[in-house]
């Protein structure tokens, strides 16, 4: 959440933007967390807020950095989603996959030309 104010300075440093994208995409598509059924709020719900903030940083990077970066971010997000979906074998993972899929749809809607390729 603290990255929100500093990402606009990355436009002058494209290599840092790529590193930031790789890190934030890794956080966004991290392995699934199992929730504890005995408590109302498990580790999985806490990690969902981390996923949400990571997605918001990916979106912000895609909007702020110059043109070819959005294509790189779309590719990175799609590949991360595909890797995560590969290991989703139970019904517990479906809400997380739905969230990740909705994030991808919103990112592809930012730039229709890049998303169509």
Protein backbone atom coordinates (compact mmCIF):
# COMPACT_ATOMS: atom_id res chain seq x y z
CA UNK A 1 0.00 0.00 0.00
CA UNK A 2 2.97 2.28 0.57
CA UNK A 3 4.03 1.89 -3.07
CA UNK A 4 1.00 3.85 -4.19
CA UNK A 5 2.77 7.22 -4.02
CA UNK A 6 6.15 6.16 -5.41
CA UNK A 7 5.11 4.30 -8.56
CA UNK A 8 4.82 7.45 -10.65
CA UNK A 9 8.59 7.90 -10.40
CA UNK A 10 9.25 4.54 -12.08
CA UNK A 11 8.39 5.89 -15.54
CA UNK A 12 11.95 7.17 -15.88
CA UNK A 13 13.38 3.73 -14.99
CA UNK A 14 11.82 0.98 -17.15
CA UNK A 15 14.01 -1.77 -15.69
CA UNK A 16 12.76 -0.99 -12.19
CA UNK A 17 9.22 -1.15 -13.52
CA UNK A 18 9.85 -4.65 -14.87
CA UNK A 19 11.29 -5.78 -11.54
CA UNK A 20 8.39 -4.26 -9.67
CA UNK A 21 5.93 -5.98 -12.00
CA UNK A 22 7.59 -9.34 -11.43
CA UNK A 23 7.52 -8.91 -7.66
CA UNK A 24 3.94 -7.66 -7.43
CA UNK A 25 2.69 -10.31 -9.86
CA UNK A 26 4.32 -12.97 -7.69
CA UNK A 27 2.48 -11.62 -4.65
CA UNK A 28 -0.79 -11.39 -6.57
CA UNK A 29 -0.66 -14.99 -7.75
CA UNK A 30 0.98 -16.55 -4.70
CA UNK A 31 0.08 -20.13 -3.77
CA UNK A 32 -3.34 -20.64 -2.27
CA UNK A 33 -3.86 -20.31 1.47
CA UNK A 34 -6.05 -22.83 3.23
CA UNK A 35 -8.58 -21.33 5.62
CA UNK A 36 -9.25 -22.74 9.04
CA UNK A 37 -12.86 -23.85 9.34
CA UNK A 38 -12.91 -23.37 13.12
CA UNK A 39 -12.41 -19.61 12.87
CA UNK A 40 -14.48 -17.12 10.94
CA UNK A 41 -11.46 -15.28 9.64
CA UNK A 42 -8.67 -17.51 8.40
CA UNK A 43 -5.31 -16.85 6.84
CA UNK A 44 -6.88 -16.92 3.38
CA UNK A 45 -9.09 -13.91 4.00
CA UNK A 46 -6.15 -11.91 5.31
CA UNK A 47 -4.16 -12.77 2.21
CA UNK A 48 -7.01 -11.70 -0.06
CA UNK A 49 -6.43 -8.09 0.98
CA UNK A 50 -2.75 -8.49 0.09
CA UNK A 51 -3.77 -9.88 -3.30
CA UNK A 52 -6.10 -6.94 -3.83
CA UNK A 53 -3.40 -4.37 -3.05
CA UNK A 54 -0.94 -6.20 -5.30
CA UNK A 55 -3.49 -6.11 -8.12
CA UNK A 56 -4.06 -2.40 -7.59
CA UNK A 57 -0.30 -1.79 -7.93
CA UNK A 58 -0.19 -3.86 -11.14
CA UNK A 59 -3.05 -1.78 -12.52
CA UNK A 60 -1.37 1.45 -11.47
CA UNK A 61 1.92 0.40 -13.09
CA UNK A 62 0.08 -0.50 -16.30
CA UNK A 63 -1.56 2.91 -16.45
CA UNK A 64 1.45 5.03 -15.49
CA UNK A 65 4.33 3.52 -17.42
CA UNK A 66 4.76 4.08 -21.20
CA UNK A 67 3.07 1.97 -23.88
CA UNK A 68 4.97 -1.28 -24.26
CA UNK A 69 4.73 -1.86 -20.52
CA UNK A 70 1.02 -2.67 -20.57
CA UNK A 71 1.65 -5.53 -22.98
CA UNK A 72 4.31 -6.92 -20.63
CA UNK A 73 1.98 -6.62 -17.67
CA UNK A 74 -0.88 -8.36 -19.52
CA UNK A 75 1.42 -11.21 -20.47
CA UNK A 76 2.85 -11.54 -16.94
CA UNK A 77 -0.58 -11.52 -15.31
CA UNK A 78 -1.97 -14.09 -17.73
CA UNK A 79 0.97 -16.46 -17.25
CA UNK A 80 0.75 -16.11 -13.46
CA UNK A 81 -2.96 -16.88 -13.58
CA UNK A 82 -2.35 -19.94 -15.73
CA UNK A 83 0.30 -21.22 -13.30
CA UNK A 84 -2.04 -20.69 -10.35
CA UNK A 85 -5.01 -22.34 -12.04
CA UNK A 86 -2.90 -25.37 -12.80
CA UNK A 87 -2.70 -26.24 -9.09
CA UNK A 88 -6.29 -25.44 -8.13
CA UNK A 89 -7.71 -28.87 -7.51
CA UNK A 90 -10.40 -28.36 -4.89
CA UNK A 91 -13.48 -26.22 -4.37
CA UNK A 92 -11.64 -24.16 -1.76
CA UNK A 93 -9.59 -22.51 -4.52
CA UNK A 94 -12.51 -21.45 -6.72
CA UNK A 95 -13.18 -18.06 -5.06
CA UNK A 96 -9.53 -17.12 -5.40
CA UNK A 97 -9.47 -18.17 -9.05
CA UNK A 98 -12.61 -16.15 -9.67
CA UNK A 99 -10.97 -13.11 -8.10
CA UNK A 100 -7.81 -13.57 -10.20
CA UNK A 101 -9.92 -14.00 -13.34
CA UNK A 102 -11.88 -10.83 -12.63
CA UNK A 103 -8.62 -8.94 -12.17
CA UNK A 104 -7.37 -10.17 -15.54
CA UNK A 105 -10.59 -9.14 -17.27
CA UNK A 106 -10.30 -5.65 -15.83
CA UNK A 107 -6.66 -5.32 -16.90
CA UNK A 108 -7.43 -6.46 -20.44
CA UNK A 109 -10.20 -3.87 -20.54
CA UNK A 110 -7.72 -1.03 -19.94
CA UNK A 111 -6.29 -1.22 -23.45
CA UNK A 112 -8.41 -3.07 -25.97
CA UNK A 113 -5.77 -3.04 -28.72
CA UNK A 114 -3.10 -4.65 -26.53
CA UNK A 115 -5.62 -7.03 -25.03
CA UNK A 116 -6.77 -8.25 -28.41
CA UNK A 117 -3.29 -9.30 -29.53
